[in-house]
C-alpha atoms as a PDB file:
ATOM      1  CA  MET A   1      72.006 -98.430 -55.797  1.00  0.00           C
ATOM      2  CA  ARG A   2      70.250-101.580 -56.064  1.00  0.00           C
ATOM      3  CA  GLY A   3      69.290-103.557 -53.080  1.00  0.00           C
ATOM      4  CA  LYS A   4      70.127-101.064 -50.859  1.00  0.00           C
ATOM      5  CA  LEU A   5      67.428 -98.845 -48.565  1.00  0.00           C
ATOM      6  CA  ASN A   6      67.775 -94.935 -50.036  1.00  0.00           C
ATOM      7  CA  LEU A   7      65.856 -92.946 -47.283  1.00  0.00           C
ATOM      8  CA  SER A   8      65.849 -89.977 -48.547  1.00  0.00           C
ATOM      9  CA  PHE A   9      64.946 -86.599 -46.709  1.00  0.00           C
ATOM     10  CA  HIS A  10      61.693 -86.436 -48.438  1.00  0.00           C
ATOM     11  CA  ALA A  11      60.941 -90.226 -46.759  1.00  0.00           C
ATOM     12  CA  VAL A  12      62.251 -89.166 -43.322  1.00  0.00           C
ATOM     13  CA  ASN A  13      60.050 -86.365 -43.348  1.00  0.00           C
ATOM     14  CA  ASN A  14      57.002 -87.920 -44.503  1.00  0.00           C
ATOM     15  CA  CYS A  15      57.374 -90.516 -41.941  1.00  0.00           C
ATOM     16  CA  PHE A  16      57.837 -88.087 -39.174  1.00  0.00           C
ATOM     17  CA  ARG A  17      54.978 -86.229 -40.707  1.00  0.00           C
ATOM     18  CA  LYS A  18      52.443 -88.814 -40.843  1.00  0.00           C
ATOM     19  CA  MET A  19      53.187 -90.019 -37.067  1.00  0.00           C
ATOM     20  CA  SER A  20      51.590 -88.690 -34.273  1.00  0.00           C
ATOM     21  CA  LEU A  21      52.923 -85.182 -33.215  1.00  0.00           C
ATOM     22  CA  THR A  22      52.694 -86.570 -29.808  1.00  0.00           C
ATOM     23  CA  THR A  23      55.220 -89.162 -30.922  1.00  0.00           C
ATOM     24  CA  ASP A  24      58.828 -89.059 -28.754  1.00  0.00           C
ATOM     25  CA  PHE A  25      60.911 -88.957 -31.581  1.00  0.00           C
ATOM     26  CA  ARG A  26      64.389 -89.736 -29.687  1.00  0.00           C
ATOM     27  CA  HIS A  27      63.503 -93.519 -30.599  1.00  0.00           C
ATOM     28  CA  CYS A  28      64.238 -92.382 -34.244  1.00  0.00           C
ATOM     29  CA  ILE A  29      67.330 -92.230 -35.985  1.00  0.00           C
ATOM     30  CA  VAL A  30      68.449 -91.796 -39.613  1.00  0.00           C
ATOM     31  CA  GLY A  31      69.898 -95.133 -41.240  1.00  0.00           C
ATOM     32  CA  SER A  32      69.167 -97.970 -43.195  1.00  0.00           C
ATOM     33  CA  MET A  33      69.504-101.145 -40.672  1.00  0.00           C
ATOM     34  CA  MET A  34      66.705-102.292 -39.316  1.00  0.00           C
ATOM     35  CA  LEU A  35      66.300-103.647 -35.637  1.00  0.00           C
ATOM     36  CA  LYS A  36      66.710-107.302 -35.474  1.00  0.00           C
ATOM     37  CA  VAL A  37      63.392-107.632 -33.943  1.00  0.00           C
ATOM     38  CA  VAL A  38      61.620-105.573 -36.422  1.00  0.00           C
ATOM     39  CA  LYS A  39      63.315-107.997 -38.936  1.00  0.00           C
ATOM     40  CA  GLU A  40      61.850-110.808 -37.442  1.00  0.00           C
ATOM     41  CA  ALA A  41      58.547-109.170 -36.906  1.00  0.00           C
ATOM     42  CA  VAL A  42      58.248-108.565 -40.784  1.00  0.00           C
ATOM     43  CA  LYS A  43      59.091-112.139 -41.450  1.00  0.00           C
ATOM     44  CA  ALA A  44      56.234-113.209 -39.359  1.00  0.00           C
ATOM     45  CA  ALA A  45      54.011-111.107 -40.862  1.00  0.00           C
ATOM     46  CA  GLY A  46      54.710-112.484 -44.307  1.00  0.00           C
ATOM     47  CA  GLY A  47      58.245-111.333 -44.910  1.00  0.00           C
ATOM     48  CA  ASN A  48      57.063-107.938 -46.139  1.00  0.00           C
ATOM     49  CA  ALA A  49      57.788-104.799 -44.243  1.00  0.00           C
ATOM     50  CA  SER A  50      55.210-103.067 -46.116  1.00  0.00           C
ATOM     51  CA  LYS A  51      52.478-105.349 -45.014  1.00  0.00           C
ATOM     52  CA  LEU A  52      53.603-105.073 -41.450  1.00  0.00           C
ATOM     53  CA  ALA A  53      53.434-101.304 -41.530  1.00  0.00           C
ATOM     54  CA  ARG A  54      50.163-100.878 -42.786  1.00  0.00           C
ATOM     55  CA  GLU A  55      49.073-103.401 -39.762  1.00  0.00           C
ATOM     56  CA  ILE A  56      50.478-100.819 -37.745  1.00  0.00           C
ATOM     57  CA  LYS A  57      49.634 -98.193 -39.271  1.00  0.00           C
ATOM     58  CA  VAL A  58      52.990 -96.559 -39.971  1.00  0.00           C
ATOM     59  CA  PRO A  59      54.612 -95.235 -43.212  1.00  0.00           C
ATOM     60  CA  ARG A  60      57.044 -98.400 -44.179  1.00  0.00           C
ATOM     61  CA  GLN A  61      60.387 -96.284 -43.857  1.00  0.00           C
ATOM     62  CA  CYS A  62      59.513 -95.568 -40.287  1.00  0.00           C
ATOM     63  CA  LEU A  63      60.420 -99.416 -39.924  1.00  0.00           C
ATOM     64  CA  TYR A  64      63.858 -98.685 -40.679  1.00  0.00           C
ATOM     65  CA  LEU A  65      63.855 -95.344 -38.453  1.00  0.00           C
ATOM     66  CA  TRP A  66      63.497 -96.976 -34.954  1.00  0.00           C
ATOM     67  CA  LYS A  67      66.493 -97.381 -32.757  1.00  0.00           C
ATOM     68  CA  GLN A  68      63.763 -99.051 -30.375  1.00  0.00           C
ATOM     69  CA  VAL A  69      59.807-100.347 -30.984  1.00  0.00           C
ATOM     70  CA  PRO A  70      57.693 -97.452 -30.028  1.00  0.00           C
ATOM     71  CA  ALA A  71      55.732 -97.688 -27.098  1.00  0.00           C
ATOM     72  CA  GLU A  72      52.700 -97.402 -28.776  1.00  0.00           C
ATOM     73  CA  HIS A  73      53.586-100.031 -31.167  1.00  0.00           C
ATOM     74  CA  VAL A  74      54.265-102.931 -28.946  1.00  0.00           C
ATOM     75  CA  LEU A  75      51.140-104.089 -28.395  1.00  0.00           C
ATOM     76  CA  THR A  76      49.836-104.036 -31.981  1.00  0.00           C
ATOM     77  CA  ILE A  77      53.227-105.984 -33.428  1.00  0.00           C
ATOM     78  CA  GLU A  78      52.590-108.458 -30.917  1.00  0.00           C
ATOM     79  CA  ARG A  79      49.110-109.388 -31.977  1.00  0.00           C
ATOM     80  CA  VAL A  80      49.827-109.279 -35.427  1.00  0.00           C
ATOM     81  CA  THR A  81      53.297-111.053 -35.330  1.00  0.00           C
ATOM     82  CA  GLY A  82      53.017-113.134 -31.974  1.00  0.00           C
ATOM     83  CA  ILE A  83      56.195-111.679 -31.212  1.00  0.00           C
ATOM     84  CA  PRO A  84      56.231-111.399 -27.089  1.00  0.00           C
ATOM     85  CA  ARG A  85      56.195-107.816 -25.832  1.00  0.00           C
ATOM     86  CA  HIS A  86      59.128-108.446 -23.451  1.00  0.00           C
ATOM     87  CA  ARG A  87      61.418-108.862 -26.970  1.00  0.00           C
ATOM     88  CA  MET A  88      60.600-105.438 -28.341  1.00  0.00           C
ATOM     89  CA  ARG A  89      60.973-103.477 -25.119  1.00  0.00           C
ATOM     90  CA  SER A  90      61.868-105.467 -22.065  1.00  0.00           C
ATOM     91  CA  ASP A  91      62.556-102.058 -20.191  1.00  0.00           C
ATOM     92  CA  LEU A  92      58.394-101.713 -20.196  1.00  0.00           C
ATOM     93  CA  TYR A  93      57.623-105.366 -20.504  1.00  0.00           C
ATOM     94  CA  PRO A  94      59.960-107.471 -18.114  1.00  0.00           C
ATOM     95  CA  ALA A  95      59.797-111.275 -18.905  1.00  0.00           C
ATOM     96  CA  ALA A  96      57.521-113.398 -17.371  1.00  0.00           C
ATOM     97  CA  ASP A  97      59.848-115.640 -15.655  1.00  0.00           C
ATOM     98  CA  THR A  98      61.832-112.389 -14.569  1.00  0.00           C
ATOM     99  CA  PRO A  99      61.295-112.307 -10.819  1.00  0.00           C
ATOM    100  CA  LYS A 100      59.563-109.118  -9.576  1.00  0.00           C
ATOM    101  CA  PRO A 101      60.448-107.446  -6.603  1.00  0.00           C
ATOM    102  CA  LEU A 102      58.293-107.988  -3.409  1.00  0.00           C
ATOM    103  CA  PRO A 103      56.429-104.869  -2.124  1.00  0.00           C
ATOM    104  CA  ARG A 104      57.923-103.236   0.815  1.00  0.00           C
ATOM    105  CA  THR A 105      55.754-104.054   4.298  1.00  0.00           C
ATOM    106  CA  THR A 106      56.450-102.880   7.789  1.00  0.00           C
ATOM    107  CA  ALA A 107      56.017-105.174  10.384  1.00  0.00           C
ATOM    108  CA  PRO A 108      52.729-105.435  11.950  1.00  0.00           C
ATOM    109  CA  ASN A 109      52.290-103.316  15.169  1.00  0.00           C
ATOM    110  CA  THR A 110      51.851-105.538  18.208  1.00  0.00           C
ATOM    111  CA  GLY A 111      51.205-102.985  20.256  1.00  0.00           C
ATOM    112  CA  LEU A 112      53.989-103.706  22.665  1.00  0.00           C
END
């Protein structure tokens, strides 16, 4: 099948083996679709998935397995590609223009 990604069991297994044992694998699914933000990161890194994978120190196949960008790679991808971290993981890094909730304060004690 030319032009389509063939993720064999061995490629997926190799990806998991090379990743840290402390990695949370809930962000991985088996499939051949790359996340839109990861595609943008590949393009920003020169259009080569292997180059981006080398920069962030993961096997190339892992880029295709991510359901969301793992937290441990967000800052590295931001440094390498210039894509803002909030675009990759808005749950961890809210956009700067998003208003932050004010801290709860108590009324000053007036002694009355």
